[in-house]
Amino acid sequence: MENSNLESIMSLIMYGGEAKSNAFEAIQKAKKGCFEEAREKLKLANKDLISAHKSQTEMLTQEAQGEKIELSLLMVHAQDHLMTSLTFIDLAKEVVAVYERLNQVAK
């Protein structure tokens, strides 16, 4: 496996994991009523996703240009990490919104 592909794969894993962690922290902040902090965590999660997508796009561009990209278990793991993070962030946004609404109703 080429070093550039390995770097892209590791970036997917790293940024995907960081995005999911920030989304989880957003839920925890919302649960405590810290909605501004929750929104900041969601912004960080989205920023991490953008970084992960850049890495993914690099590999997709290589393949589209005819370069053979070696499929490995590590690449599958990286893609799984990214897709799980995307789903988790979408869910976290909804959970934060629900907590915010419950907080408004309780007032």
PDB file of N, CA and C in Angstrom:
ATOM      1  N   MET A   1       0.846  -1.176   0.000  1.00  0.00           N
ATOM      2  CA  MET A   1       0.000   0.000   0.000  1.00  0.00           C
ATOM      3  C   MET A   1       0.894   1.243   0.000  1.00  0.00           C
ATOM      4  N   GLU A   2       0.567   2.197  -0.847  1.00  0.00           N
ATOM      5  CA  GLU A   2       1.341   3.429  -0.932  1.00  0.00           C
ATOM      6  C   GLU A   2       1.167   4.266   0.336  1.00  0.00           C
ATOM      7  N   ASN A   3       2.214   5.004   0.685  1.00  0.00           N
ATOM      8  CA  ASN A   3       2.154   5.847   1.872  1.00  0.00           C
ATOM      9  C   ASN A   3       1.047   6.894   1.793  1.00  0.00           C
ATOM     10  N   SER A   4       0.828   7.471   0.602  1.00  0.00           N
ATOM     11  CA  SER A   4      -0.205   8.508   0.475  1.00  0.00           C
ATOM     12  C   SER A   4      -1.589   7.921   0.744  1.00  0.00           C
ATOM     13  N   ASN A   5      -1.816   6.696   0.277  1.00  0.00           N
ATOM     14  CA  ASN A   5      -3.105   6.054   0.550  1.00  0.00           C
ATOM     15  C   ASN A   5      -3.240   5.704   2.025  1.00  0.00           C
ATOM     16  N   LEU A   6      -2.164   5.247   2.628  1.00  0.00           N
ATOM     17  CA  LEU A   6      -2.192   4.917   4.046  1.00  0.00           C
ATOM     18  C   LEU A   6      -2.482   6.168   4.872  1.00  0.00           C
ATOM     19  N   GLU A   7      -1.884   7.287   4.495  1.00  0.00           N
ATOM     20  CA  GLU A   7      -2.145   8.545   5.193  1.00  0.00           C
ATOM     21  C   GLU A   7      -3.613   8.950   5.050  1.00  0.00           C
ATOM     22  N   SER A   8      -4.162   8.802   3.865  1.00  0.00           N
ATOM     23  CA  SER A   8      -5.574   9.135   3.638  1.00  0.00           C
ATOM     24  C   SER A   8      -6.484   8.234   4.461  1.00  0.00           C
ATOM     25  N   ILE A   9      -6.168   6.951   4.497  1.00  0.00           N
ATOM     26  CA  ILE A   9      -6.968   5.992   5.264  1.00  0.00           C
ATOM     27  C   ILE A   9      -6.908   6.326   6.753  1.00  0.00           C
ATOM     28  N   MET A  10      -5.718   6.602   7.253  1.00  0.00           N
ATOM     29  CA  MET A  10      -5.574   6.929   8.674  1.00  0.00           C
ATOM     30  C   MET A  10      -6.278   8.244   9.014  1.00  0.00           C
ATOM     31  N   SER A  11      -6.282   9.180   8.077  1.00  0.00           N
ATOM     32  CA  SER A  11      -7.010  10.442   8.286  1.00  0.00           C
ATOM     33  C   SER A  11      -8.509  10.189   8.387  1.00  0.00           C
ATOM     34  N   LEU A  12      -9.014   9.292   7.551  1.00  0.00           N
ATOM     35  CA  LEU A  12     -10.432   8.939   7.631  1.00  0.00           C
ATOM     36  C   LEU A  12     -10.775   8.388   9.012  1.00  0.00           C
ATOM     37  N   ILE A  13      -9.934   7.497   9.497  1.00  0.00           N
ATOM     38  CA  ILE A  13     -10.172   6.890  10.811  1.00  0.00           C
ATOM     39  C   ILE A  13     -10.079   7.948  11.910  1.00  0.00           C
ATOM     40  N   MET A  14      -9.033   8.753  11.856  1.00  0.00           N
ATOM     41  CA  MET A  14      -8.808   9.755  12.897  1.00  0.00           C
ATOM     42  C   MET A  14      -9.918  10.808  12.913  1.00  0.00           C
ATOM     43  N   TYR A  15     -10.183  11.420  11.777  1.00  0.00           N
ATOM     44  CA  TYR A  15     -11.190  12.486  11.731  1.00  0.00           C
ATOM     45  C   TYR A  15     -12.602  11.940  11.928  1.00  0.00           C
ATOM     46  N   GLY A  16     -12.859  10.746  11.414  1.00  0.00           N
ATOM     47  CA  GLY A  16     -14.165  10.134  11.643  1.00  0.00           C
ATOM     48  C   GLY A  16     -14.406   9.876  13.115  1.00  0.00           C
ATOM     49  N   GLY A  17     -13.393   9.357  13.795  1.00  0.00           N
ATOM     50  CA  GLY A  17     -13.505   9.106  15.238  1.00  0.00           C
ATOM     51  C   GLY A  17     -13.662  10.381  16.028  1.00  0.00           C
ATOM     52  N   GLU A  18     -12.919  11.410  15.641  1.00  0.00           N
ATOM     53  CA  GLU A  18     -12.998  12.695  16.333  1.00  0.00           C
ATOM     54  C   GLU A  18     -14.382  13.321  16.129  1.00  0.00           C
ATOM     55  N   ALA A  19     -14.917  13.202  14.937  1.00  0.00           N
ATOM     56  CA  ALA A  19     -16.254  13.733  14.652  1.00  0.00           C
ATOM     57  C   ALA A  19     -17.300  13.055  15.533  1.00  0.00           C
ATOM     58  N   LYS A  20     -17.213  11.745  15.624  1.00  0.00           N
ATOM     59  CA  LYS A  20     -18.171  11.002  16.441  1.00  0.00           C
ATOM     60  C   LYS A  20     -18.030  11.378  17.914  1.00  0.00           C
ATOM     61  N   SER A  21     -16.814  11.537  18.397  1.00  0.00           N
ATOM     62  CA  SER A  21     -16.590  11.934  19.792  1.00  0.00           C
ATOM     63  C   SER A  21     -17.182  13.311  20.076  1.00  0.00           C
ATOM     64  N   ASN A  22     -16.978  14.242  19.162  1.00  0.00           N
ATOM     65  CA  ASN A  22     -17.555  15.582  19.347  1.00  0.00           C
ATOM     66  C   ASN A  22     -19.079  15.543  19.336  1.00  0.00           C
ATOM     67  N   ALA A  23     -19.644  14.717  18.490  1.00  0.00           N
ATOM     68  CA  ALA A  23     -21.106  14.587  18.445  1.00  0.00           C
ATOM     69  C   ALA A  23     -21.629  13.989  19.746  1.00  0.00           C
ATOM     70  N   PHE A  24     -20.926  13.003  20.275  1.00  0.00           N
ATOM     71  CA  PHE A  24     -21.332  12.410  21.548  1.00  0.00           C
ATOM     72  C   PHE A  24     -21.248  13.443  22.668  1.00  0.00           C
ATOM     73  N   GLU A  25     -20.184  14.239  22.667  1.00  0.00           N
ATOM     74  CA  GLU A  25     -20.047  15.294  23.668  1.00  0.00           C
ATOM     75  C   GLU A  25     -21.156  16.325  23.534  1.00  0.00           C
ATOM     76  N   ALA A  26     -21.600  16.594  22.317  1.00  0.00           N
ATOM     77  CA  ALA A  26     -22.708  17.535  22.105  1.00  0.00           C
ATOM     78  C   ALA A  26     -23.971  17.037  22.794  1.00  0.00           C
ATOM     79  N   ILE A  27     -24.236  15.753  22.683  1.00  0.00           N
ATOM     80  CA  ILE A  27     -25.413  15.177  23.352  1.00  0.00           C
ATOM     81  C   ILE A  27     -25.275  15.330  24.862  1.00  0.00           C
ATOM     82  N   GLN A  28     -24.091  15.044  25.380  1.00  0.00           N
ATOM     83  CA  GLN A  28     -23.867  15.154  26.829  1.00  0.00           C
ATOM     84  C   GLN A  28     -24.049  16.596  27.306  1.00  0.00           C
ATOM     85  N   LYS A  29     -23.572  17.567  26.530  1.00  0.00           N
ATOM     86  CA  LYS A  29     -23.738  18.981  26.884  1.00  0.00           C
ATOM     87  C   LYS A  29     -25.217  19.363  26.867  1.00  0.00           C
ATOM     88  N   ALA A  30     -25.934  18.920  25.847  1.00  0.00           N
ATOM     89  CA  ALA A  30     -27.365  19.231  25.748  1.00  0.00           C
ATOM     90  C   ALA A  30     -28.135  18.616  26.904  1.00  0.00           C
ATOM     91  N   LYS A  31     -27.751  17.425  27.287  1.00  0.00           N
ATOM     92  CA  LYS A  31     -28.394  16.727  28.400  1.00  0.00           C
ATOM     93  C   LYS A  31     -28.278  17.552  29.684  1.00  0.00           C
ATOM     94  N   LYS A  32     -27.173  18.288  29.828  1.00  0.00           N
ATOM     95  CA  LYS A  32     -26.949  19.132  30.996  1.00  0.00           C
ATOM     96  C   LYS A  32     -27.532  20.536  30.828  1.00  0.00           C
ATOM     97  N   GLY A  33     -28.125  20.808  29.664  1.00  0.00           N
ATOM     98  CA  GLY A  33     -28.708  22.119  29.408  1.00  0.00           C
ATOM     99  C   GLY A  33     -27.734  23.145  28.864  1.00  0.00           C
ATOM    100  N   CYS A  34     -26.548  22.705  28.475  1.00  0.00           N
ATOM    101  CA  CYS A  34     -25.511  23.601  27.936  1.00  0.00           C
ATOM    102  C   CYS A  34     -25.620  23.615  26.405  1.00  0.00           C
ATOM    103  N   PHE A  35     -26.621  24.309  25.894  1.00  0.00           N
ATOM    104  CA  PHE A  35     -26.954  24.211  24.474  1.00  0.00           C
ATOM    105  C   PHE A  35     -25.964  24.934  23.564  1.00  0.00           C
ATOM    106  N   GLU A  36     -25.416  26.044  24.019  1.00  0.00           N
ATOM    107  CA  GLU A  36     -24.413  26.741  23.210  1.00  0.00           C
ATOM    108  C   GLU A  36     -23.176  25.855  23.047  1.00  0.00           C
ATOM    109  N   GLU A  37     -22.755  25.219  24.133  1.00  0.00           N
ATOM    110  CA  GLU A  37     -21.611  24.311  24.069  1.00  0.00           C
ATOM    111  C   GLU A  37     -21.930  23.100  23.189  1.00  0.00           C
ATOM    112  N   ALA A  38     -23.150  22.634  23.253  1.00  0.00           N
ATOM    113  CA  ALA A  38     -23.561  21.501  22.412  1.00  0.00           C
ATOM    114  C   ALA A  38     -23.470  21.874  20.936  1.00  0.00           C
ATOM    115  N   ARG A  39     -23.936  23.079  20.605  1.00  0.00           N
ATOM    116  CA  ARG A  39     -23.869  23.522  19.208  1.00  0.00           C
ATOM    117  C   ARG A  39     -22.410  23.669  18.751  1.00  0.00           C
ATOM    118  N   GLU A  40     -21.546  24.121  19.649  1.00  0.00           N
ATOM    119  CA  GLU A  40     -20.126  24.241  19.311  1.00  0.00           C
ATOM    120  C   GLU A  40     -19.513  22.866  19.030  1.00  0.00           C
ATOM    121  N   LYS A  41     -19.881  21.891  19.835  1.00  0.00           N
ATOM    122  CA  LYS A  41     -19.378  20.524  19.622  1.00  0.00           C
ATOM    123  C   LYS A  41     -19.860  19.980  18.275  1.00  0.00           C
ATOM    124  N   LEU A  42     -21.101  20.296  17.910  1.00  0.00           N
ATOM    125  CA  LEU A  42     -21.614  19.854  16.609  1.00  0.00           C
ATOM    126  C   LEU A  42     -20.867  20.538  15.470  1.00  0.00           C
ATOM    127  N   LYS A  43     -20.508  21.809  15.661  1.00  0.00           N
ATOM    128  CA  LYS A  43     -19.709  22.508  14.645  1.00  0.00           C
ATOM    129  C   LYS A  43     -18.341  21.844  14.490  1.00  0.00           C
ATOM    130  N   LEU A  44     -17.739  21.482  15.612  1.00  0.00           N
ATOM    131  CA  LEU A  44     -16.444  20.785  15.557  1.00  0.00           C
ATOM    132  C   LEU A  44     -16.576  19.439  14.852  1.00  0.00           C
ATOM    133  N   ALA A  45     -17.667  18.738  15.129  1.00  0.00           N
ATOM    134  CA  ALA A  45     -17.907  17.449  14.476  1.00  0.00           C
ATOM    135  C   ALA A  45     -18.009  17.626  12.962  1.00  0.00           C
ATOM    136  N   ASN A  46     -18.712  18.660  12.532  1.00  0.00           N
ATOM    137  CA  ASN A  46     -18.832  18.921  11.094  1.00  0.00           C
ATOM    138  C   ASN A  46     -17.489  19.285  10.480  1.00  0.00           C
ATOM    139  N   LYS A  47     -16.676  20.047  11.221  1.00  0.00           N
ATOM    140  CA  LYS A  47     -15.347  20.405  10.737  1.00  0.00           C
ATOM    141  C   LYS A  47     -14.495  19.150  10.553  1.00  0.00           C
ATOM    142  N   ASP A  48     -14.592  18.235  11.509  1.00  0.00           N
ATOM    143  CA  ASP A  48     -13.859  16.970  11.395  1.00  0.00           C
ATOM    144  C   ASP A  48     -14.336  16.163  10.187  1.00  0.00           C
ATOM    145  N   LEU A  49     -15.633  16.177   9.946  1.00  0.00           N
ATOM    146  CA  LEU A  49     -16.162  15.452   8.782  1.00  0.00           C
ATOM    147  C   LEU A  49     -15.628  16.019   7.477  1.00  0.00           C
ATOM    148  N   ILE A  50     -15.507  17.333   7.420  1.00  0.00           N
ATOM    149  CA  ILE A  50     -14.961  17.958   6.207  1.00  0.00           C
ATOM    150  C   ILE A  50     -13.533  17.471   5.979  1.00  0.00           C
ATOM    151  N   SER A  51     -12.748  17.403   7.045  1.00  0.00           N
ATOM    152  CA  SER A  51     -11.376  16.898   6.925  1.00  0.00           C
ATOM    153  C   SER A  51     -11.366  15.443   6.462  1.00  0.00           C
ATOM    154  N   ALA A  52     -12.254  14.648   7.006  1.00  0.00           N
ATOM    155  CA  ALA A  52     -12.339  13.240   6.603  1.00  0.00           C
ATOM    156  C   ALA A  52     -12.739  13.128   5.135  1.00  0.00           C
ATOM    157  N   HIS A  53     -13.685  13.946   4.717  1.00  0.00           N
ATOM    158  CA  HIS A  53     -14.131  13.902   3.317  1.00  0.00           C
ATOM    159  C   HIS A  53     -13.006  14.294   2.363  1.00  0.00           C
ATOM    160  N   LYS A  54     -12.151  15.219   2.792  1.00  0.00           N
ATOM    161  CA  LYS A  54     -11.020  15.600   1.941  1.00  0.00           C
ATOM    162  C   LYS A  54     -10.120  14.395   1.690  1.00  0.00           C
ATOM    163  N   SER A  55      -9.877  13.633   2.735  1.00  0.00           N
ATOM    164  CA  SER A  55      -9.048  12.432   2.581  1.00  0.00           C
ATOM    165  C   SER A  55      -9.725  11.426   1.655  1.00  0.00           C
ATOM    166  N   GLN A  56     -11.010  11.252   1.836  1.00  0.00           N
ATOM    167  CA  GLN A  56     -11.757  10.319   0.995  1.00  0.00           C
ATOM    168  C   GLN A  56     -11.738  10.787  -0.462  1.00  0.00           C
ATOM    169  N   THR A  57     -11.906  12.081  -0.664  1.00  0.00           N
ATOM    170  CA  THR A  57     -11.931  12.641  -2.013  1.00  0.00           C
ATOM    171  C   THR A  57     -10.597  12.452  -2.721  1.00  0.00           C
ATOM    172  N   GLU A  58      -9.498  12.542  -1.966  1.00  0.00           N
ATOM    173  CA  GLU A  58      -8.176  12.304  -2.559  1.00  0.00           C
ATOM    174  C   GLU A  58      -8.102  10.914  -3.180  1.00  0.00           C
ATOM    175  N   MET A  59      -8.578   9.924  -2.448  1.00  0.00           N
ATOM    176  CA  MET A  59      -8.535   8.548  -2.960  1.00  0.00           C
ATOM    177  C   MET A  59      -9.499   8.365  -4.124  1.00  0.00           C
ATOM    178  N   LEU A  60     -10.677   8.957  -4.027  1.00  0.00           N
ATOM    179  CA  LEU A  60     -11.645   8.847  -5.122  1.00  0.00           C
ATOM    180  C   LEU A  60     -11.109   9.495  -6.393  1.00  0.00           C
ATOM    181  N   THR A  61     -10.439  10.627  -6.240  1.00  0.00           N
ATOM    182  CA  THR A  61      -9.860  11.323  -7.388  1.00  0.00           C
ATOM    183  C   THR A  61      -8.773  10.474  -8.039  1.00  0.00           C
ATOM    184  N   GLN A  62      -7.929   9.861  -7.221  1.00  0.00           N
ATOM    185  CA  GLN A  62      -6.886   8.978  -7.758  1.00  0.00           C
ATOM    186  C   GLN A  62      -7.502   7.859  -8.590  1.00  0.00           C
ATOM    187  N   GLU A  63      -8.525   7.246  -8.039  1.00  0.00           N
ATOM    188  CA  GLU A  63      -9.154   6.137  -8.746  1.00  0.00           C
ATOM    189  C   GLU A  63      -9.843   6.612 -10.023  1.00  0.00           C
ATOM    190  N   ALA A  64     -10.482   7.769  -9.955  1.00  0.00           N
ATOM    191  CA  ALA A  64     -11.152   8.316 -11.143  1.00  0.00           C
ATOM    192  C   ALA A  64     -10.150   8.645 -12.246  1.00  0.00           C
ATOM    193  N   GLN A  65      -8.911   8.945 -11.848  1.00  0.00           N
ATOM    194  CA  GLN A  65      -7.861   9.250 -12.822  1.00  0.00           C
ATOM    195  C   GLN A  65      -7.166   7.993 -13.328  1.00  0.00           C
ATOM    196  N   GLY A  66      -7.686   6.831 -12.934  1.00  0.00           N
ATOM    197  CA  GLY A  66      -7.167   5.581 -13.451  1.00  0.00           C
ATOM    198  C   GLY A  66      -6.111   4.908 -12.594  1.00  0.00           C
ATOM    199  N   GLU A  67      -5.791   5.502 -11.456  1.00  0.00           N
ATOM    200  CA  GLU A  67      -4.816   4.869 -10.567  1.00  0.00           C
ATOM    201  C   GLU A  67      -5.506   3.757  -9.781  1.00  0.00           C
ATOM    202  N   LYS A  68      -4.863   2.632  -9.714  1.00  0.00           N
ATOM    203  CA  LYS A  68      -5.416   1.497  -8.981  1.00  0.00           C
ATOM    204  C   LYS A  68      -5.262   1.747  -7.485  1.00  0.00           C
ATOM    205  N   ILE A  69      -6.361   1.671  -6.757  1.00  0.00           N
ATOM    206  CA  ILE A  69      -6.347   1.820  -5.305  1.00  0.00           C
ATOM    207  C   ILE A  69      -6.531   0.434  -4.705  1.00  0.00           C
ATOM    208  N   GLU A  70      -5.564   0.034  -3.886  1.00  0.00           N
ATOM    209  CA  GLU A  70      -5.614  -1.283  -3.256  1.00  0.00           C
ATOM    210  C   GLU A  70      -6.689  -1.306  -2.169  1.00  0.00           C
ATOM    211  N   LEU A  71      -7.594  -2.253  -2.266  1.00  0.00           N
ATOM    212  CA  LEU A  71      -8.623  -2.421  -1.250  1.00  0.00           C
ATOM    213  C   LEU A  71      -8.045  -3.264  -0.112  1.00  0.00           C
ATOM    214  N   SER A  72      -8.161  -2.765   1.098  1.00  0.00           N
ATOM    215  CA  SER A  72      -7.629  -3.475   2.249  1.00  0.00           C
ATOM    216  C   SER A  72      -8.655  -3.452   3.375  1.00  0.00           C
ATOM    217  N   LEU A  73      -8.447  -4.295   4.348  1.00  0.00           N
ATOM    218  CA  LEU A  73      -9.313  -4.302   5.518  1.00  0.00           C
ATOM    219  C   LEU A  73      -9.247  -2.952   6.233  1.00  0.00           C
ATOM    220  N   LEU A  74      -8.074  -2.337   6.240  1.00  0.00           N
ATOM    221  CA  LEU A  74      -7.913  -1.029   6.866  1.00  0.00           C
ATOM    222  C   LEU A  74      -8.760   0.028   6.152  1.00  0.00           C
ATOM    223  N   MET A  75      -8.830  -0.045   4.833  1.00  0.00           N
ATOM    224  CA  MET A  75      -9.653   0.905   4.086  1.00  0.00           C
ATOM    225  C   MET A  75     -11.141   0.679   4.382  1.00  0.00           C
ATOM    226  N   VAL A  76     -11.539  -0.567   4.453  1.00  0.00           N
ATOM    227  CA  VAL A  76     -12.936  -0.880   4.778  1.00  0.00           C
ATOM    228  C   VAL A  76     -13.268  -0.349   6.171  1.00  0.00           C
ATOM    229  N   HIS A  77     -12.356  -0.533   7.104  1.00  0.00           N
ATOM    230  CA  HIS A  77     -12.546  -0.027   8.469  1.00  0.00           C
ATOM    231  C   HIS A  77     -12.681   1.499   8.454  1.00  0.00           C
ATOM    232  N   ALA A  78     -11.849   2.170   7.678  1.00  0.00           N
ATOM    233  CA  ALA A  78     -11.893   3.628   7.599  1.00  0.00           C
ATOM    234  C   ALA A  78     -13.232   4.103   7.048  1.00  0.00           C
ATOM    235  N   GLN A  79     -13.700   3.464   5.998  1.00  0.00           N
ATOM    236  CA  GLN A  79     -14.992   3.835   5.403  1.00  0.00           C
ATOM    237  C   GLN A  79     -16.132   3.584   6.388  1.00  0.00           C
ATOM    238  N   ASP A  80     -16.051   2.473   7.103  1.00  0.00           N
ATOM    239  CA  ASP A  80     -17.055   2.155   8.111  1.00  0.00           C
ATOM    240  C   ASP A  80     -17.056   3.221   9.206  1.00  0.00           C
ATOM    241  N   HIS A  81     -15.876   3.629   9.627  1.00  0.00           N
ATOM    242  CA  HIS A  81     -15.734   4.676  10.645  1.00  0.00           C
ATOM    243  C   HIS A  81     -16.414   5.962  10.182  1.00  0.00           C
ATOM    244  N   LEU A  82     -16.148   6.340   8.940  1.00  0.00           N
ATOM    245  CA  LEU A  82     -16.725   7.568   8.393  1.00  0.00           C
ATOM    246  C   LEU A  82     -18.247   7.487   8.308  1.00  0.00           C
ATOM    247  N   MET A  83     -18.763   6.393   7.799  1.00  0.00           N
ATOM    248  CA  MET A  83     -20.215   6.264   7.630  1.00  0.00           C
ATOM    249  C   MET A  83     -20.926   6.230   8.984  1.00  0.00           C
ATOM    250  N   THR A  84     -20.325   5.560   9.960  1.00  0.00           N
ATOM    251  CA  THR A  84     -20.907   5.523  11.302  1.00  0.00           C
ATOM    252  C   THR A  84     -20.930   6.929  11.898  1.00  0.00           C
ATOM    253  N   SER A  85     -19.855   7.660  11.693  1.00  0.00           N
ATOM    254  CA  SER A  85     -19.779   9.028  12.211  1.00  0.00           C
ATOM    255  C   SER A  85     -20.831   9.921  11.576  1.00  0.00           C
ATOM    256  N   LEU A  86     -21.006   9.802  10.279  1.00  0.00           N
ATOM    257  CA  LEU A  86     -22.030  10.597   9.585  1.00  0.00           C
ATOM    258  C   LEU A  86     -23.413  10.349  10.184  1.00  0.00           C
ATOM    259  N   THR A  87     -23.733   9.097  10.370  1.00  0.00           N
ATOM    260  CA  THR A  87     -25.026   8.734  10.937  1.00  0.00           C
ATOM    261  C   THR A  87     -25.165   9.232  12.370  1.00  0.00           C
ATOM    262  N   PHE A  88     -24.104   9.062  13.149  1.00  0.00           N
ATOM    263  CA  PHE A  88     -24.142   9.476  14.549  1.00  0.00           C
ATOM    264  C   PHE A  88     -24.312  10.984  14.676  1.00  0.00           C
ATOM    265  N   ILE A  89     -23.653  11.739  13.824  1.00  0.00           N
ATOM    266  CA  ILE A  89     -23.779  13.202  13.875  1.00  0.00           C
ATOM    267  C   ILE A  89     -25.193  13.630  13.521  1.00  0.00           C
ATOM    268  N   ASP A  90     -25.774  13.012  12.518  1.00  0.00           N
ATOM    269  CA  ASP A  90     -27.173  13.336  12.172  1.00  0.00           C
ATOM    270  C   ASP A  90     -28.089  13.070  13.361  1.00  0.00           C
ATOM    271  N   LEU A  91     -27.888  11.949  14.011  1.00  0.00           N
ATOM    272  CA  LEU A  91     -28.693  11.607  15.177  1.00  0.00           C
ATOM    273  C   LEU A  91     -28.431  12.577  16.328  1.00  0.00           C
ATOM    274  N   ALA A  92     -27.175  12.931  16.545  1.00  0.00           N
ATOM    275  CA  ALA A  92     -26.821  13.862  17.629  1.00  0.00           C
ATOM    276  C   ALA A  92     -27.494  15.219  17.432  1.00  0.00           C
ATOM    277  N   LYS A  93     -27.559  15.694  16.202  1.00  0.00           N
ATOM    278  CA  LYS A  93     -28.239  16.972  15.925  1.00  0.00           C
ATOM    279  C   LYS A  93     -29.699  16.905  16.356  1.00  0.00           C
ATOM    280  N   GLU A  94     -30.339  15.801  16.066  1.00  0.00           N
ATOM    281  CA  GLU A  94     -31.749  15.630  16.439  1.00  0.00           C
ATOM    282  C   GLU A  94     -31.903  15.543  17.960  1.00  0.00           C
ATOM    283  N   VAL A  95     -31.014  14.814  18.622  1.00  0.00           N
ATOM    284  CA  VAL A  95     -31.094  14.663  20.077  1.00  0.00           C
ATOM    285  C   VAL A  95     -30.884  16.014  20.760  1.00  0.00           C
ATOM    286  N   VAL A  96     -29.923  16.789  20.297  1.00  0.00           N
ATOM    287  CA  VAL A  96     -29.688  18.123  20.864  1.00  0.00           C
ATOM    288  C   VAL A  96     -30.938  18.984  20.677  1.00  0.00           C
ATOM    289  N   ALA A  97     -31.535  18.925  19.507  1.00  0.00           N
ATOM    290  CA  ALA A  97     -32.754  19.701  19.251  1.00  0.00           C
ATOM    291  C   ALA A  97     -33.899  19.278  20.177  1.00  0.00           C
ATOM    292  N   VAL A  98     -34.027  17.995  20.433  1.00  0.00           N
ATOM    293  CA  VAL A  98     -35.073  17.499  21.335  1.00  0.00           C
ATOM    294  C   VAL A  98     -34.835  18.010  22.749  1.00  0.00           C
ATOM    295  N   TYR A  99     -33.589  17.917  23.219  1.00  0.00           N
ATOM    296  CA  TYR A  99     -33.270  18.429  24.558  1.00  0.00           C
ATOM    297  C   TYR A  99     -33.565  19.934  24.647  1.00  0.00           C
ATOM    298  N   GLU A 100     -33.241  20.668  23.600  1.00  0.00           N
ATOM    299  CA  GLU A 100     -33.514  22.111  23.591  1.00  0.00           C
ATOM    300  C   GLU A 100     -35.023  22.377  23.677  1.00  0.00           C
ATOM    301  N   ARG A 101     -35.759  21.622  22.921  1.00  0.00           N
ATOM    302  CA  ARG A 101     -37.219  21.805  22.926  1.00  0.00           C
ATOM    303  C   ARG A 101     -37.816  21.444  24.276  1.00  0.00           C
ATOM    304  N   LEU A 102     -37.356  20.352  24.858  1.00  0.00           N
ATOM    305  CA  LEU A 102     -37.833  19.964  26.190  1.00  0.00           C
ATOM    306  C   LEU A 102     -37.508  21.033  27.220  1.00  0.00           C
ATOM    307  N   ASN A 103     -36.339  21.642  27.084  1.00  0.00           N
ATOM    308  CA  ASN A 103     -35.933  22.720  27.990  1.00  0.00           C
ATOM    309  C   ASN A 103     -36.853  23.930  27.851  1.00  0.00           C
ATOM    310  N   GLN A 104     -37.240  24.257  26.629  1.00  0.00           N
ATOM    311  CA  GLN A 104     -38.137  25.391  26.395  1.00  0.00           C
ATOM    312  C   GLN A 104     -39.528  25.122  26.934  1.00  0.00           C
ATOM    313  N   VAL A 105     -40.010  23.913  26.777  1.00  0.00           N
ATOM    314  CA  VAL A 105     -41.339  23.533  27.255  1.00  0.00           C
ATOM    315  C   VAL A 105     -41.377  23.555  28.786  1.00  0.00           C
ATOM    316  N   ALA A 106     -40.273  23.160  29.409  1.00  0.00           N
ATOM    317  CA  ALA A 106     -40.210  23.094  30.874  1.00  0.00           C
ATOM    318  C   ALA A 106     -40.210  24.473  31.524  1.00  0.00           C
ATOM    319  N   LYS A 107     -39.878  25.497  30.751  1.00  0.00           N
ATOM    320  CA  LYS A 107     -39.809  26.859  31.321  1.00  0.00           C
ATOM    321  C   LYS A 107     -41.153  27.475  31.517  1.00  0.00           C
TER     322      LYS A 107
END
